[in-house]
Amino acid sequence: MDVVVVLAHPNADSFCHAIAERACTAATAAGHVVHLLDLYALGVRAAMTADEHHAYHGDNPLVGAHVDPLVVEHAALVRATDALVFVYPTWWSSMPAILKGWLERTMLPGVAFVFDAQGKVRPGLSNVKRIVGISTYGSPRAYVKFVNDNGRRTLTRALRLNTGVRTPRGWLGLYAIDTATDAQRAAFLDRVEQKMRAL
């Protein structure tokens, strides 16, 4: 299986980086081909430019002088992968801006969705057979549920509409990370490993 792991955390010493490392190691050990996209390390720009927005509504948003080569590269990976795995911290009840921007700039017409002969939107990522989200939270689980966990909803509902509503999705959350013990963090990494081995 071909697996794309999208990591969105600016601190290389963060627990999210430890999660991504364990996820990649476990998936590789299970025989999968893994592509790690560390968005901050790659210098991914979060904001869509005016030219990109204009091209978004054109015939081919991935062609032209406005095109960021990283977007082209990542769009190709997304169109070819079997599984999408997202690792990020939940800030302000959602995903970091860099991940939201990556979705907006990569999940383009012709990539994430297509139009049929009647002009209706259809999933463009039928190649994706699994979506997995892994996030850390500063707040306890009850609070996260109360505020709707918008990042999770974006990946497990909105993105899933582009892969097919029957696409299996999984979620792992480490809540109240600021007070989590070393043992709790280690146990969470073990859960990540199990999830990735079972893709």
C-alpha atoms as a PDB file:
ATOM      1  CA  MET A   1       0.000   0.000   0.000  1.00  0.00           C
ATOM      2  CA  ASP A   2       1.185   3.511  -0.787  1.00  0.00           C
ATOM      3  CA  VAL A   3       0.833   5.824   2.235  1.00  0.00           C
ATOM      4  CA  VAL A   4       1.153   9.618   2.443  1.00  0.00           C
ATOM      5  CA  VAL A   5       1.744  10.960   5.961  1.00  0.00           C
ATOM      6  CA  VAL A   6       1.057  14.691   6.267  1.00  0.00           C
ATOM      7  CA  LEU A   7       2.708  16.263   9.317  1.00  0.00           C
ATOM      8  CA  ALA A   8       1.847  19.774  10.495  1.00  0.00           C
ATOM      9  CA  HIS A   9       3.867  20.956  13.495  1.00  0.00           C
ATOM     10  CA  PRO A  10       6.593  23.629  13.457  1.00  0.00           C
ATOM     11  CA  ASN A  11       8.723  22.163  16.277  1.00  0.00           C
ATOM     12  CA  ALA A  12      10.943  19.255  15.255  1.00  0.00           C
ATOM     13  CA  ASP A  13      11.120  18.177  18.922  1.00  0.00           C
ATOM     14  CA  SER A  14       7.339  18.028  19.289  1.00  0.00           C
ATOM     15  CA  PHE A  15       5.330  14.969  20.231  1.00  0.00           C
ATOM     16  CA  CYS A  16       3.621  15.242  16.838  1.00  0.00           C
ATOM     17  CA  HIS A  17       6.996  14.616  15.213  1.00  0.00           C
ATOM     18  CA  ALA A  18       7.461  11.569  17.448  1.00  0.00           C
ATOM     19  CA  ILE A  19       4.003  10.377  16.359  1.00  0.00           C
ATOM     20  CA  ALA A  20       4.824  10.854  12.675  1.00  0.00           C
ATOM     21  CA  GLU A  21       8.124   9.028  13.074  1.00  0.00           C
ATOM     22  CA  ARG A  22       6.416   6.073  14.768  1.00  0.00           C
ATOM     23  CA  ALA A  23       3.662   6.066  12.142  1.00  0.00           C
ATOM     24  CA  CYS A  24       6.156   6.027   9.267  1.00  0.00           C
ATOM     25  CA  THR A  25       8.331   3.355  10.892  1.00  0.00           C
ATOM     26  CA  ALA A  26       5.345   1.106  11.628  1.00  0.00           C
ATOM     27  CA  ALA A  27       3.859   1.489   8.151  1.00  0.00           C
ATOM     28  CA  THR A  28       7.223   0.758   6.530  1.00  0.00           C
ATOM     29  CA  ALA A  29       7.691  -2.307   8.751  1.00  0.00           C
ATOM     30  CA  ALA A  30       4.262  -3.514   7.615  1.00  0.00           C
ATOM     31  CA  GLY A  31       5.467  -3.411   4.004  1.00  0.00           C
ATOM     32  CA  HIS A  32       3.916  -0.119   2.925  1.00  0.00           C
ATOM     33  CA  VAL A  33       5.647   2.557   0.849  1.00  0.00           C
ATOM     34  CA  VAL A  34       5.588   5.770   2.903  1.00  0.00           C
ATOM     35  CA  HIS A  35       5.891   9.391   1.792  1.00  0.00           C
ATOM     36  CA  LEU A  36       6.285  11.882   4.662  1.00  0.00           C
ATOM     37  CA  LEU A  37       5.214  15.458   3.928  1.00  0.00           C
ATOM     38  CA  ASP A  38       6.519  17.619   6.793  1.00  0.00           C
ATOM     39  CA  LEU A  39       4.709  20.801   5.792  1.00  0.00           C
ATOM     40  CA  TYR A  40       6.750  23.215   7.919  1.00  0.00           C
ATOM     41  CA  ALA A  41      10.095  21.674   6.978  1.00  0.00           C
ATOM     42  CA  LEU A  42       9.103  21.848   3.303  1.00  0.00           C
ATOM     43  CA  GLY A  43       8.200  25.515   3.610  1.00  0.00           C
ATOM     44  CA  VAL A  44       4.628  25.008   2.435  1.00  0.00           C
ATOM     45  CA  ARG A  45       2.765  28.291   2.078  1.00  0.00           C
ATOM     46  CA  ALA A  46      -0.617  28.264   3.806  1.00  0.00           C
ATOM     47  CA  ALA A  47      -2.305  31.124   1.976  1.00  0.00           C
ATOM     48  CA  MET A  48      -3.734  30.686  -1.505  1.00  0.00           C
ATOM     49  CA  THR A  49      -2.622  33.519  -3.776  1.00  0.00           C
ATOM     50  CA  ALA A  50      -5.025  35.579  -5.890  1.00  0.00           C
ATOM     51  CA  ASP A  51      -3.612  33.899  -9.009  1.00  0.00           C
ATOM     52  CA  GLU A  52      -4.140  30.446  -7.511  1.00  0.00           C
ATOM     53  CA  HIS A  53      -7.701  31.353  -6.581  1.00  0.00           C
ATOM     54  CA  HIS A  54      -8.384  32.571 -10.103  1.00  0.00           C
ATOM     55  CA  ALA A  55      -6.890  29.381 -11.571  1.00  0.00           C
ATOM     56  CA  TYR A  56      -8.959  27.272  -9.154  1.00  0.00           C
ATOM     57  CA  HIS A  57     -12.020  28.248 -11.172  1.00  0.00           C
ATOM     58  CA  GLY A  58     -10.339  27.605 -14.515  1.00  0.00           C
ATOM     59  CA  ASP A  59      -9.949  24.490 -16.641  1.00  0.00           C
ATOM     60  CA  ASN A  60      -6.691  23.281 -15.071  1.00  0.00           C
ATOM     61  CA  PRO A  61      -5.542  24.862 -11.788  1.00  0.00           C
ATOM     62  CA  LEU A  62      -2.260  22.928 -11.921  1.00  0.00           C
ATOM     63  CA  VAL A  63      -1.052  24.560 -15.139  1.00  0.00           C
ATOM     64  CA  GLY A  64       0.403  28.045 -15.471  1.00  0.00           C
ATOM     65  CA  ALA A  65       3.007  30.447 -14.167  1.00  0.00           C
ATOM     66  CA  HIS A  66       1.180  30.726 -10.843  1.00  0.00           C
ATOM     67  CA  VAL A  67       1.684  27.064  -9.959  1.00  0.00           C
ATOM     68  CA  ASP A  68       3.776  26.173  -6.919  1.00  0.00           C
ATOM     69  CA  PRO A  69       5.920  23.100  -7.767  1.00  0.00           C
ATOM     70  CA  LEU A  70       5.222  21.687  -4.277  1.00  0.00           C
ATOM     71  CA  VAL A  71       1.495  21.765  -4.969  1.00  0.00           C
ATOM     72  CA  VAL A  72       2.007  19.876  -8.230  1.00  0.00           C
ATOM     73  CA  GLU A  73       4.216  17.301  -6.494  1.00  0.00           C
ATOM     74  CA  HIS A  74       1.812  16.827  -3.579  1.00  0.00           C
ATOM     75  CA  ALA A  75      -1.244  16.644  -5.834  1.00  0.00           C
ATOM     76  CA  ALA A  76       0.443  13.834  -7.774  1.00  0.00           C
ATOM     77  CA  LEU A  77       1.178  11.959  -4.540  1.00  0.00           C
ATOM     78  CA  VAL A  78      -2.402  12.365  -3.337  1.00  0.00           C
ATOM     79  CA  ARG A  79      -3.786  11.112  -6.663  1.00  0.00           C
ATOM     80  CA  ALA A  80      -1.598   7.992  -6.490  1.00  0.00           C
ATOM     81  CA  THR A  81      -1.767   7.041  -2.811  1.00  0.00           C
ATOM     82  CA  ASP A  82      -3.842   4.346  -1.130  1.00  0.00           C
ATOM     83  CA  ALA A  83      -3.933   5.971   2.310  1.00  0.00           C
ATOM     84  CA  LEU A  84      -3.809   9.497   3.709  1.00  0.00           C
ATOM     85  CA  VAL A  85      -2.575   9.927   7.279  1.00  0.00           C
ATOM     86  CA  PHE A  86      -2.644  13.313   9.017  1.00  0.00           C
ATOM     87  CA  VAL A  87      -0.635  14.155  12.127  1.00  0.00           C
ATOM     88  CA  TYR A  88      -1.150  17.558  13.742  1.00  0.00           C
ATOM     89  CA  PRO A  89      -1.888  19.406  16.989  1.00  0.00           C
ATOM     90  CA  THR A  90      -5.383  20.776  17.465  1.00  0.00           C
ATOM     91  CA  TRP A  91      -5.133  24.534  18.048  1.00  0.00           C
ATOM     92  CA  TRP A  92      -8.148  26.783  18.504  1.00  0.00           C
ATOM     93  CA  SER A  93     -10.452  23.797  18.001  1.00  0.00           C
ATOM     94  CA  SER A  94      -9.055  23.076  14.552  1.00  0.00           C
ATOM     95  CA  MET A  95      -6.004  22.137  12.517  1.00  0.00           C
ATOM     96  CA  PRO A  96      -3.010  24.474  12.123  1.00  0.00           C
ATOM     97  CA  ALA A  97      -3.335  27.044   9.329  1.00  0.00           C
ATOM     98  CA  ILE A  98      -0.584  25.372   7.321  1.00  0.00           C
ATOM     99  CA  LEU A  99      -2.580  22.137   7.079  1.00  0.00           C
ATOM    100  CA  LYS A 100      -5.832  23.919   6.241  1.00  0.00           C
ATOM    101  CA  GLY A 101      -3.961  25.878   3.567  1.00  0.00           C
ATOM    102  CA  TRP A 102      -2.362  22.707   2.228  1.00  0.00           C
ATOM    103  CA  LEU A 103      -5.806  21.169   1.821  1.00  0.00           C
ATOM    104  CA  GLU A 104      -7.141  24.282   0.070  1.00  0.00           C
ATOM    105  CA  ARG A 105      -4.176  24.515  -2.283  1.00  0.00           C
ATOM    106  CA  THR A 106      -3.767  20.773  -3.018  1.00  0.00           C
ATOM    107  CA  MET A 107      -7.317  19.405  -3.034  1.00  0.00           C
ATOM    108  CA  LEU A 108      -8.166  21.129  -6.295  1.00  0.00           C
ATOM    109  CA  PRO A 109     -10.705  20.450  -9.028  1.00  0.00           C
ATOM    110  CA  GLY A 110      -9.275  17.559 -11.023  1.00  0.00           C
ATOM    111  CA  VAL A 111      -7.490  16.287  -7.933  1.00  0.00           C
ATOM    112  CA  ALA A 112      -9.925  15.934  -5.038  1.00  0.00           C
ATOM    113  CA  PHE A 113     -13.078  16.138  -7.120  1.00  0.00           C
ATOM    114  CA  VAL A 114     -14.241  16.081 -10.721  1.00  0.00           C
ATOM    115  CA  PHE A 115     -17.370  17.070 -12.591  1.00  0.00           C
ATOM    116  CA  ASP A 116     -19.436  14.491 -14.451  1.00  0.00           C
ATOM    117  CA  ALA A 117     -21.226  15.047 -17.793  1.00  0.00           C
ATOM    118  CA  GLN A 118     -24.134  16.706 -15.996  1.00  0.00           C
ATOM    119  CA  GLY A 119     -21.827  19.077 -14.124  1.00  0.00           C
ATOM    120  CA  LYS A 120     -22.282  17.339 -10.778  1.00  0.00           C
ATOM    121  CA  VAL A 121     -19.367  17.056  -8.356  1.00  0.00           C
ATOM    122  CA  ARG A 122     -17.959  13.541  -8.001  1.00  0.00           C
ATOM    123  CA  PRO A 123     -15.128  12.169  -5.840  1.00  0.00           C
ATOM    124  CA  GLY A 124     -11.734  12.491  -7.477  1.00  0.00           C
ATOM    125  CA  LEU A 125      -9.752  10.439  -4.986  1.00  0.00           C
ATOM    126  CA  SER A 126     -11.303   6.998  -5.359  1.00  0.00           C
ATOM    127  CA  ASN A 127      -7.747   5.657  -5.137  1.00  0.00           C
ATOM    128  CA  VAL A 128      -7.669   6.516  -1.405  1.00  0.00           C
ATOM    129  CA  LYS A 129      -8.755   3.457   0.583  1.00  0.00           C
ATOM    130  CA  ARG A 130      -8.046   4.765   4.101  1.00  0.00           C
ATOM    131  CA  ILE A 131      -8.051   8.098   5.927  1.00  0.00           C
ATOM    132  CA  VAL A 132      -6.389   8.264   9.339  1.00  0.00           C
ATOM    133  CA  GLY A 133      -6.212  11.314  11.576  1.00  0.00           C
ATOM    134  CA  ILE A 134      -3.930  11.588  14.580  1.00  0.00           C
ATOM    135  CA  SER A 135      -4.058  14.695  16.742  1.00  0.00           C
ATOM    136  CA  THR A 136      -2.920  15.998  20.096  1.00  0.00           C
ATOM    137  CA  TYR A 137      -5.164  18.234  22.177  1.00  0.00           C
ATOM    138  CA  GLY A 138      -4.430  20.588  25.036  1.00  0.00           C
ATOM    139  CA  SER A 139      -7.988  20.208  26.286  1.00  0.00           C
ATOM    140  CA  PRO A 140      -9.732  17.181  27.778  1.00  0.00           C
ATOM    141  CA  ARG A 141     -11.930  15.035  25.548  1.00  0.00           C
ATOM    142  CA  ALA A 142     -15.244  16.417  26.897  1.00  0.00           C
ATOM    143  CA  TYR A 143     -14.267  19.986  25.991  1.00  0.00           C
ATOM    144  CA  VAL A 144     -13.059  18.951  22.531  1.00  0.00           C
ATOM    145  CA  LYS A 145     -16.386  17.217  21.896  1.00  0.00           C
ATOM    146  CA  PHE A 146     -18.279  20.301  23.085  1.00  0.00           C
ATOM    147  CA  VAL A 147     -16.536  22.594  20.572  1.00  0.00           C
ATOM    148  CA  ASN A 148     -17.025  20.095  17.700  1.00  0.00           C
ATOM    149  CA  ASP A 149     -13.389  19.174  16.908  1.00  0.00           C
ATOM    150  CA  ASN A 150     -13.409  20.973  13.579  1.00  0.00           C
ATOM    151  CA  GLY A 151     -10.148  19.517  12.282  1.00  0.00           C
ATOM    152  CA  ARG A 152     -11.440  15.990  12.753  1.00  0.00           C
ATOM    153  CA  ARG A 153     -14.707  16.875  11.003  1.00  0.00           C
ATOM    154  CA  THR A 154     -12.781  18.351   8.056  1.00  0.00           C
ATOM    155  CA  LEU A 155     -10.777  15.168   7.524  1.00  0.00           C
ATOM    156  CA  THR A 156     -13.321  12.475   8.374  1.00  0.00           C
ATOM    157  CA  ARG A 157     -16.342  14.139   6.755  1.00  0.00           C
ATOM    158  CA  ALA A 158     -15.418  16.798   4.191  1.00  0.00           C
ATOM    159  CA  LEU A 159     -12.313  15.055   2.810  1.00  0.00           C
ATOM    160  CA  ARG A 160     -14.126  11.733   2.827  1.00  0.00           C
ATOM    161  CA  LEU A 161     -16.641  13.144   0.354  1.00  0.00           C
ATOM    162  CA  ASN A 162     -13.727  13.334  -2.094  1.00  0.00           C
ATOM    163  CA  THR A 163     -12.608   9.742  -1.566  1.00  0.00           C
ATOM    164  CA  GLY A 164     -16.045   8.147  -1.346  1.00  0.00           C
ATOM    165  CA  VAL A 165     -18.371   8.091   1.643  1.00  0.00           C
ATOM    166  CA  ARG A 166     -17.564   4.446   2.323  1.00  0.00           C
ATOM    167  CA  THR A 167     -13.849   5.067   2.704  1.00  0.00           C
ATOM    168  CA  PRO A 168     -12.797   3.669   6.099  1.00  0.00           C
ATOM    169  CA  ARG A 169     -11.436   6.313   8.433  1.00  0.00           C
ATOM    170  CA  GLY A 170      -9.707   6.080  11.767  1.00  0.00           C
ATOM    171  CA  TRP A 171      -8.970   8.592  14.483  1.00  0.00           C
ATOM    172  CA  LEU A 172      -6.495   8.672  17.338  1.00  0.00           C
ATOM    173  CA  GLY A 173      -6.487  11.561  19.791  1.00  0.00           C
ATOM    174  CA  LEU A 174      -4.255  12.242  22.762  1.00  0.00           C
ATOM    175  CA  TYR A 175      -6.294  14.589  24.942  1.00  0.00           C
ATOM    176  CA  ALA A 176      -5.004  16.885  27.706  1.00  0.00           C
ATOM    177  CA  ILE A 177      -1.476  16.361  26.408  1.00  0.00           C
ATOM    178  CA  ASP A 178      -0.038  19.059  28.689  1.00  0.00           C
ATOM    179  CA  THR A 179      -0.681  16.843  31.719  1.00  0.00           C
ATOM    180  CA  ALA A 180      -0.091  13.471  30.034  1.00  0.00           C
ATOM    181  CA  THR A 181       2.505  11.293  31.726  1.00  0.00           C
ATOM    182  CA  ASP A 182       5.434   9.667  29.951  1.00  0.00           C
ATOM    183  CA  ALA A 183       3.604   6.349  30.278  1.00  0.00           C
ATOM    184  CA  GLN A 184       0.472   7.791  28.654  1.00  0.00           C
ATOM    185  CA  ARG A 185       2.506   9.208  25.775  1.00  0.00           C
ATOM    186  CA  ALA A 186       4.314   5.908  25.299  1.00  0.00           C
ATOM    187  CA  ALA A 187       0.984   4.048  25.279  1.00  0.00           C
ATOM    188  CA  PHE A 188      -0.360   6.453  22.685  1.00  0.00           C
ATOM    189  CA  LEU A 189       2.649   5.858  20.437  1.00  0.00           C
ATOM    190  CA  ASP A 190       1.966   2.133  20.748  1.00  0.00           C
ATOM    191  CA  ARG A 191      -1.632   2.751  19.598  1.00  0.00           C
ATOM    192  CA  VAL A 192      -0.288   4.701  16.618  1.00  0.00           C
ATOM    193  CA  GLU A 193       1.992   1.802  15.732  1.00  0.00           C
ATOM    194  CA  GLN A 194      -0.872  -0.699  15.921  1.00  0.00           C
ATOM    195  CA  LYS A 195      -3.093   1.491  13.754  1.00  0.00           C
ATOM    196  CA  MET A 196      -0.431   1.910  11.081  1.00  0.00           C
ATOM    197  CA  ARG A 197       0.470  -1.778  11.024  1.00  0.00           C
ATOM    198  CA  ALA A 198      -3.197  -2.581  10.496  1.00  0.00           C
ATOM    199  CA  LEU A 199      -3.756  -0.201   7.540  1.00  0.00           C
END
